[in-house]
PDB file of N, CA and C in Angstrom:
ATOM      1  N   UNK A   1     112.229  95.231  84.929  1.00  0.00           N
ATOM      2  CA  UNK A   1     111.586  96.425  85.436  1.00  0.00           C
ATOM      3  C   UNK A   1     111.211  96.188  86.897  1.00  0.00           C
ATOM      4  N   UNK A   2     111.112  97.259  87.638  1.00  0.00           N
ATOM      5  CA  UNK A   2     110.723  97.158  89.042  1.00  0.00           C
ATOM      6  C   UNK A   2     109.273  97.582  89.222  1.00  0.00           C
ATOM      7  N   UNK A   3     108.526  96.748  89.942  1.00  0.00           N
ATOM      8  CA  UNK A   3     107.162  97.060  90.326  1.00  0.00           C
ATOM      9  C   UNK A   3     107.026  96.777  91.819  1.00  0.00           C
ATOM     10  N   UNK A   4     106.054  97.394  92.423  1.00  0.00           N
ATOM     11  CA  UNK A   4     105.789  97.154  93.831  1.00  0.00           C
ATOM     12  C   UNK A   4     104.590  96.222  93.929  1.00  0.00           C
ATOM     13  N   UNK A   5     104.794  95.096  94.606  1.00  0.00           N
ATOM     14  CA  UNK A   5     103.721  94.125  94.810  1.00  0.00           C
ATOM     15  C   UNK A   5     103.499  94.023  96.310  1.00  0.00           C
ATOM     16  N   UNK A   6     102.317  94.404  96.741  1.00  0.00           N
ATOM     17  CA  UNK A   6     101.979  94.385  98.175  1.00  0.00           C
ATOM     18  C   UNK A   6     103.055  95.064  99.009  1.00  0.00           C
ATOM     19  N   UNK A   7     103.465  96.234  98.560  1.00  0.00           N
ATOM     20  CA  UNK A   7     104.379  97.124  99.266  1.00  0.00           C
ATOM     21  C   UNK A   7     105.819  96.632  99.323  1.00  0.00           C
ATOM     22  N   UNK A   8     106.188  95.663  98.481  1.00  0.00           N
ATOM     23  CA  UNK A   8     107.567  95.195  98.376  1.00  0.00           C
ATOM     24  C   UNK A   8     107.997  95.311  96.918  1.00  0.00           C
ATOM     25  N   UNK A   9     109.215  95.756  96.686  1.00  0.00           N
ATOM     26  CA  UNK A   9     109.728  95.929  95.329  1.00  0.00           C
ATOM     27  C   UNK A   9     110.161  94.580  94.755  1.00  0.00           C
ATOM     28  N   UNK A  10     109.750  94.330  93.515  1.00  0.00           N
ATOM     29  CA  UNK A  10     110.098  93.087  92.818  1.00  0.00           C
ATOM     30  C   UNK A  10     110.599  93.439  91.423  1.00  0.00           C
ATOM     31  N   UNK A  11     111.563  92.659  90.935  1.00  0.00           N
ATOM     32  CA  UNK A  11     112.027  92.776  89.559  1.00  0.00           C
ATOM     33  C   UNK A  11     111.266  91.776  88.707  1.00  0.00           C
ATOM     34  N   UNK A  12     110.628  92.283  87.661  1.00  0.00           N
ATOM     35  CA  UNK A  12     109.918  91.441  86.702  1.00  0.00           C
ATOM     36  C   UNK A  12     110.465  91.759  85.307  1.00  0.00           C
ATOM     37  N   UNK A  13     110.393  90.808  84.391  1.00  0.00           N
ATOM     38  CA  UNK A  13     110.853  91.089  83.036  1.00  0.00           C
ATOM     39  C   UNK A  13     109.962  92.109  82.336  1.00  0.00           C
ATOM     40  N   UNK A  14     110.525  92.826  81.387  1.00  0.00           N
ATOM     41  CA  UNK A  14     109.738  93.778  80.601  1.00  0.00           C
ATOM     42  C   UNK A  14     108.589  93.035  79.946  1.00  0.00           C
ATOM     43  N   UNK A  15     107.414  93.641  79.942  1.00  0.00           N
ATOM     44  CA  UNK A  15     106.237  93.028  79.350  1.00  0.00           C
ATOM     45  C   UNK A  15     105.508  92.082  80.285  1.00  0.00           C
ATOM     46  N   UNK A  16     105.922  92.020  81.553  1.00  0.00           N
ATOM     47  CA  UNK A  16     105.258  91.137  82.521  1.00  0.00           C
ATOM     48  C   UNK A  16     103.809  91.568  82.708  1.00  0.00           C
ATOM     49  N   UNK A  17     102.986  90.591  83.045  1.00  0.00           N
ATOM     50  CA  UNK A  17     101.550  90.841  83.223  1.00  0.00           C
ATOM     51  C   UNK A  17     101.175  90.726  84.695  1.00  0.00           C
ATOM     52  N   UNK A  18      99.926  91.036  84.986  1.00  0.00           N
ATOM     53  CA  UNK A  18      99.399  90.849  86.339  1.00  0.00           C
ATOM     54  C   UNK A  18      99.546  89.376  86.739  1.00  0.00           C
ATOM     55  N   UNK A  19      99.309  88.460  85.806  1.00  0.00           N
ATOM     56  CA  UNK A  19      99.462  87.034  86.100  1.00  0.00           C
ATOM     57  C   UNK A  19     100.890  86.718  86.548  1.00  0.00           C
ATOM     58  N   UNK A  20     101.874  87.377  85.947  1.00  0.00           N
ATOM     59  CA  UNK A  20     103.265  87.176  86.348  1.00  0.00           C
ATOM     60  C   UNK A  20     103.507  87.686  87.770  1.00  0.00           C
ATOM     61  N   UNK A  21     102.897  88.808  88.111  1.00  0.00           N
ATOM     62  CA  UNK A  21     103.039  89.356  89.463  1.00  0.00           C
ATOM     63  C   UNK A  21     102.425  88.413  90.487  1.00  0.00           C
ATOM     64  N   UNK A  22     101.273  87.842  90.152  1.00  0.00           N
ATOM     65  CA  UNK A  22     100.614  86.889  91.051  1.00  0.00           C
ATOM     66  C   UNK A  22     101.517  85.671  91.256  1.00  0.00           C
ATOM     67  N   UNK A  23     102.080  85.165  90.169  1.00  0.00           N
ATOM     68  CA  UNK A  23     102.973  84.006  90.261  1.00  0.00           C
ATOM     69  C   UNK A  23     104.226  84.335  91.071  1.00  0.00           C
ATOM     70  N   UNK A  24     104.733  85.555  90.930  1.00  0.00           N
ATOM     71  CA  UNK A  24     105.956  85.948  91.635  1.00  0.00           C
ATOM     72  C   UNK A  24     105.810  85.780  93.141  1.00  0.00           C
ATOM     73  N   UNK A  25     104.642  86.124  93.679  1.00  0.00           N
ATOM     74  CA  UNK A  25     104.487  86.017  95.134  1.00  0.00           C
ATOM     75  C   UNK A  25     103.774  84.726  95.543  1.00  0.00           C
ATOM     76  N   UNK A  26     103.409  83.898  94.561  1.00  0.00           N
ATOM     77  CA  UNK A  26     102.789  82.616  94.864  1.00  0.00           C
ATOM     78  C   UNK A  26     101.380  82.706  95.411  1.00  0.00           C
ATOM     79  N   UNK A  27     100.657  83.758  95.044  1.00  0.00           N
ATOM     80  CA  UNK A  27      99.277  83.934  95.523  1.00  0.00           C
ATOM     81  C   UNK A  27      98.364  82.917  94.844  1.00  0.00           C
ATOM     82  N   UNK A  28      97.407  82.410  95.601  1.00  0.00           N
ATOM     83  CA  UNK A  28      96.443  81.432  95.101  1.00  0.00           C
ATOM     84  C   UNK A  28      95.034  82.009  95.183  1.00  0.00           C
ATOM     85  N   UNK A  29      94.186  81.705  94.190  1.00  0.00           N
ATOM     86  CA  UNK A  29      92.795  82.168  94.231  1.00  0.00           C
ATOM     87  C   UNK A  29      92.066  81.601  95.436  1.00  0.00           C
ATOM     88  N   UNK A  30      91.039  82.262  95.890  1.00  0.00           N
ATOM     89  CA  UNK A  30      90.468  83.497  95.346  1.00  0.00           C
ATOM     90  C   UNK A  30      91.290  84.707  95.763  1.00  0.00           C
ATOM     91  N   UNK A  31      91.312  85.694  94.891  1.00  0.00           N
ATOM     92  CA  UNK A  31      92.026  86.928  95.174  1.00  0.00           C
ATOM     93  C   UNK A  31      91.482  88.054  94.314  1.00  0.00           C
ATOM     94  N   UNK A  32      91.835  89.262  94.685  1.00  0.00           N
ATOM     95  CA  UNK A  32      91.486  90.454  93.907  1.00  0.00           C
ATOM     96  C   UNK A  32      92.772  91.218  93.664  1.00  0.00           C
ATOM     97  N   UNK A  33      92.840  91.899  92.518  1.00  0.00           N
ATOM     98  CA  UNK A  33      94.055  92.624  92.149  1.00  0.00           C
ATOM     99  C   UNK A  33      93.702  94.043  91.732  1.00  0.00           C
ATOM    100  N   UNK A  34      94.535  94.978  92.186  1.00  0.00           N
ATOM    101  CA  UNK A  34      94.452  96.365  91.725  1.00  0.00           C
ATOM    102  C   UNK A  34      95.839  96.788  91.269  1.00  0.00           C
ATOM    103  N   UNK A  35      95.885  97.529  90.175  1.00  0.00           N
ATOM    104  CA  UNK A  35      97.134  98.109  89.681  1.00  0.00           C
ATOM    105  C   UNK A  35      96.970  99.613  89.734  1.00  0.00           C
ATOM    106  N   UNK A  36      97.816 100.271  90.509  1.00  0.00           N
ATOM    107  CA  UNK A  36      97.729 101.721  90.695  1.00  0.00           C
ATOM    108  C   UNK A  36      96.315 102.130  91.131  1.00  0.00           C
ATOM    109  N   UNK A  37      95.770 101.371  92.054  1.00  0.00           N
ATOM    110  CA  UNK A  37      94.449 101.551  92.680  1.00  0.00           C
ATOM    111  C   UNK A  37      93.265 101.253  91.761  1.00  0.00           C
ATOM    112  N   UNK A  38      93.497 100.762  90.543  1.00  0.00           N
ATOM    113  CA  UNK A  38      92.408 100.413  89.630  1.00  0.00           C
ATOM    114  C   UNK A  38      92.226  98.894  89.621  1.00  0.00           C
ATOM    115  N   UNK A  39      91.010  98.427  89.922  1.00  0.00           N
ATOM    116  CA  UNK A  39      90.690  97.006  89.929  1.00  0.00           C
ATOM    117  C   UNK A  39      90.958  96.381  88.564  1.00  0.00           C
ATOM    118  N   UNK A  40      91.547  95.173  88.572  1.00  0.00           N
ATOM    119  CA  UNK A  40      91.768  94.412  87.339  1.00  0.00           C
ATOM    120  C   UNK A  40      90.950  93.124  87.438  1.00  0.00           C
ATOM    121  N   UNK A  41      89.975  92.900  86.536  1.00  0.00           N
ATOM    122  CA  UNK A  41      89.171  91.673  86.588  1.00  0.00           C
ATOM    123  C   UNK A  41      90.034  90.449  86.292  1.00  0.00           C
ATOM    124  N   UNK A  42      89.679  89.322  86.884  1.00  0.00           N
ATOM    125  CA  UNK A  42      90.491  88.112  86.731  1.00  0.00           C
ATOM    126  C   UNK A  42      90.613  87.682  85.275  1.00  0.00           C
ATOM    127  N   UNK A  43      89.672  88.043  84.443  1.00  0.00           N
ATOM    128  CA  UNK A  43      89.739  87.689  83.027  1.00  0.00           C
ATOM    129  C   UNK A  43      90.835  88.466  82.295  1.00  0.00           C
ATOM    130  N   UNK A  44      91.385  89.497  82.934  1.00  0.00           N
ATOM    131  CA  UNK A  44      92.412  90.336  82.296  1.00  0.00           C
ATOM    132  C   UNK A  44      93.809  90.137  82.891  1.00  0.00           C
ATOM    133  N   UNK A  45      93.963  89.230  83.861  1.00  0.00           N
ATOM    134  CA  UNK A  45      95.270  89.057  84.524  1.00  0.00           C
ATOM    135  C   UNK A  45      96.395  88.792  83.528  1.00  0.00           C
ATOM    136  N   UNK A  46      96.177  87.906  82.567  1.00  0.00           N
ATOM    137  CA  UNK A  46      97.228  87.569  81.602  1.00  0.00           C
ATOM    138  C   UNK A  46      97.414  88.642  80.543  1.00  0.00           C
ATOM    139  N   UNK A  47      96.408  89.498  80.358  1.00  0.00           N
ATOM    140  CA  UNK A  47      96.454  90.515  79.311  1.00  0.00           C
ATOM    141  C   UNK A  47      96.924  91.883  79.801  1.00  0.00           C
ATOM    142  N   UNK A  48      96.784  92.149  81.087  1.00  0.00           N
ATOM    143  CA  UNK A  48      97.113  93.470  81.636  1.00  0.00           C
ATOM    144  C   UNK A  48      98.624  93.583  81.830  1.00  0.00           C
ATOM    145  N   UNK A  49      99.281  94.299  80.924  1.00  0.00           N
ATOM    146  CA  UNK A  49     100.734  94.476  80.994  1.00  0.00           C
ATOM    147  C   UNK A  49     101.088  95.494  82.073  1.00  0.00           C
ATOM    148  N   UNK A  50     102.135  95.185  82.821  1.00  0.00           N
ATOM    149  CA  UNK A  50     102.614  96.101  83.853  1.00  0.00           C
ATOM    150  C   UNK A  50     103.676  97.020  83.276  1.00  0.00           C
ATOM    151  N   UNK A  51     103.817  98.173  83.905  1.00  0.00           N
ATOM    152  CA  UNK A  51     104.805  99.171  83.502  1.00  0.00           C
ATOM    153  C   UNK A  51     105.766  99.421  84.667  1.00  0.00           C
ATOM    154  N   UNK A  52     106.953  99.877  84.340  1.00  0.00           N
ATOM    155  CA  UNK A  52     107.935 100.245  85.356  1.00  0.00           C
ATOM    156  C   UNK A  52     107.288 101.148  86.404  1.00  0.00           C
ATOM    157  N   UNK A  53     107.461 100.800  87.667  1.00  0.00           N
ATOM    158  CA  UNK A  53     106.956 101.635  88.752  1.00  0.00           C
ATOM    159  C   UNK A  53     105.520 101.387  89.165  1.00  0.00           C
ATOM    160  N   UNK A  54     104.821 100.462  88.477  1.00  0.00           N
ATOM    161  CA  UNK A  54     103.444 100.170  88.860  1.00  0.00           C
ATOM    162  C   UNK A  54     103.372  99.651  90.294  1.00  0.00           C
ATOM    163  N   UNK A  55     102.233  99.926  90.929  1.00  0.00           N
ATOM    164  CA  UNK A  55     101.961  99.433  92.287  1.00  0.00           C
ATOM    165  C   UNK A  55     100.829  98.423  92.199  1.00  0.00           C
ATOM    166  N   UNK A  56     101.137  97.179  92.520  1.00  0.00           N
ATOM    167  CA  UNK A  56     100.183  96.080  92.426  1.00  0.00           C
ATOM    168  C   UNK A  56      99.791  95.656  93.838  1.00  0.00           C
ATOM    169  N   UNK A  57      98.498  95.584  94.079  1.00  0.00           N
ATOM    170  CA  UNK A  57      97.991  95.075  95.353  1.00  0.00           C
ATOM    171  C   UNK A  57      97.228  93.798  95.062  1.00  0.00           C
ATOM    172  N   UNK A  58      97.632  92.713  95.715  1.00  0.00           N
ATOM    173  CA  UNK A  58      96.984  91.416  95.559  1.00  0.00           C
ATOM    174  C   UNK A  58      96.386  91.080  96.920  1.00  0.00           C
ATOM    175  N   UNK A  59      95.074  90.953  96.938  1.00  0.00           N
ATOM    176  CA  UNK A  59      94.354  90.827  98.202  1.00  0.00           C
ATOM    177  C   UNK A  59      93.535  89.545  98.203  1.00  0.00           C
ATOM    178  N   UNK A  60      93.665  88.757  99.271  1.00  0.00           N
ATOM    179  CA  UNK A  60      92.866  87.546  99.446  1.00  0.00           C
ATOM    180  C   UNK A  60      91.732  87.865 100.403  1.00  0.00           C
ATOM    181  N   UNK A  61      90.539  87.329 100.151  1.00  0.00           N
ATOM    182  CA  UNK A  61      89.426  87.593 101.061  1.00  0.00           C
ATOM    183  C   UNK A  61      89.681  86.940 102.424  1.00  0.00           C
ATOM    184  N   UNK A  62      89.140  87.562 103.452  1.00  0.00           N
ATOM    185  CA  UNK A  62      89.262  87.049 104.806  1.00  0.00           C
ATOM    186  C   UNK A  62      87.849  86.758 105.313  1.00  0.00           C
ATOM    187  N   UNK A  63      87.675  85.568 105.850  1.00  0.00           N
ATOM    188  CA  UNK A  63      86.357  85.219 106.385  1.00  0.00           C
ATOM    189  C   UNK A  63      86.394  85.294 107.907  1.00  0.00           C
ATOM    190  N   UNK A  64      85.256  85.362 108.462  1.00  0.00           N
ATOM    191  CA  UNK A  64      85.160  85.420 109.926  1.00  0.00           C
ATOM    192  C   UNK A  64      84.250  86.551 110.344  1.00  0.00           C
ATOM    193  N   UNK A  65      84.260  86.789 111.614  1.00  0.00           N
ATOM    194  CA  UNK A  65      83.376  87.870 112.008  1.00  0.00           C
ATOM    195  C   UNK A  65      83.493  88.247 113.442  1.00  0.00           C
TER     196      UNK A  65
END
């Protein structure tokens, strides 16, 4: 299935989870994830199944000022 991760299209297997999307782009914690603009808590990354066409945003905090 195709999903958009950080504005780039990726092919993931059917039944892939948010954790799979994170692994696909090699993101490392700390991070925050939203699927179709809805926040997903880190405790649900492995449980939140993605669907064809989902838009996943994986955001790392930025420090500084």
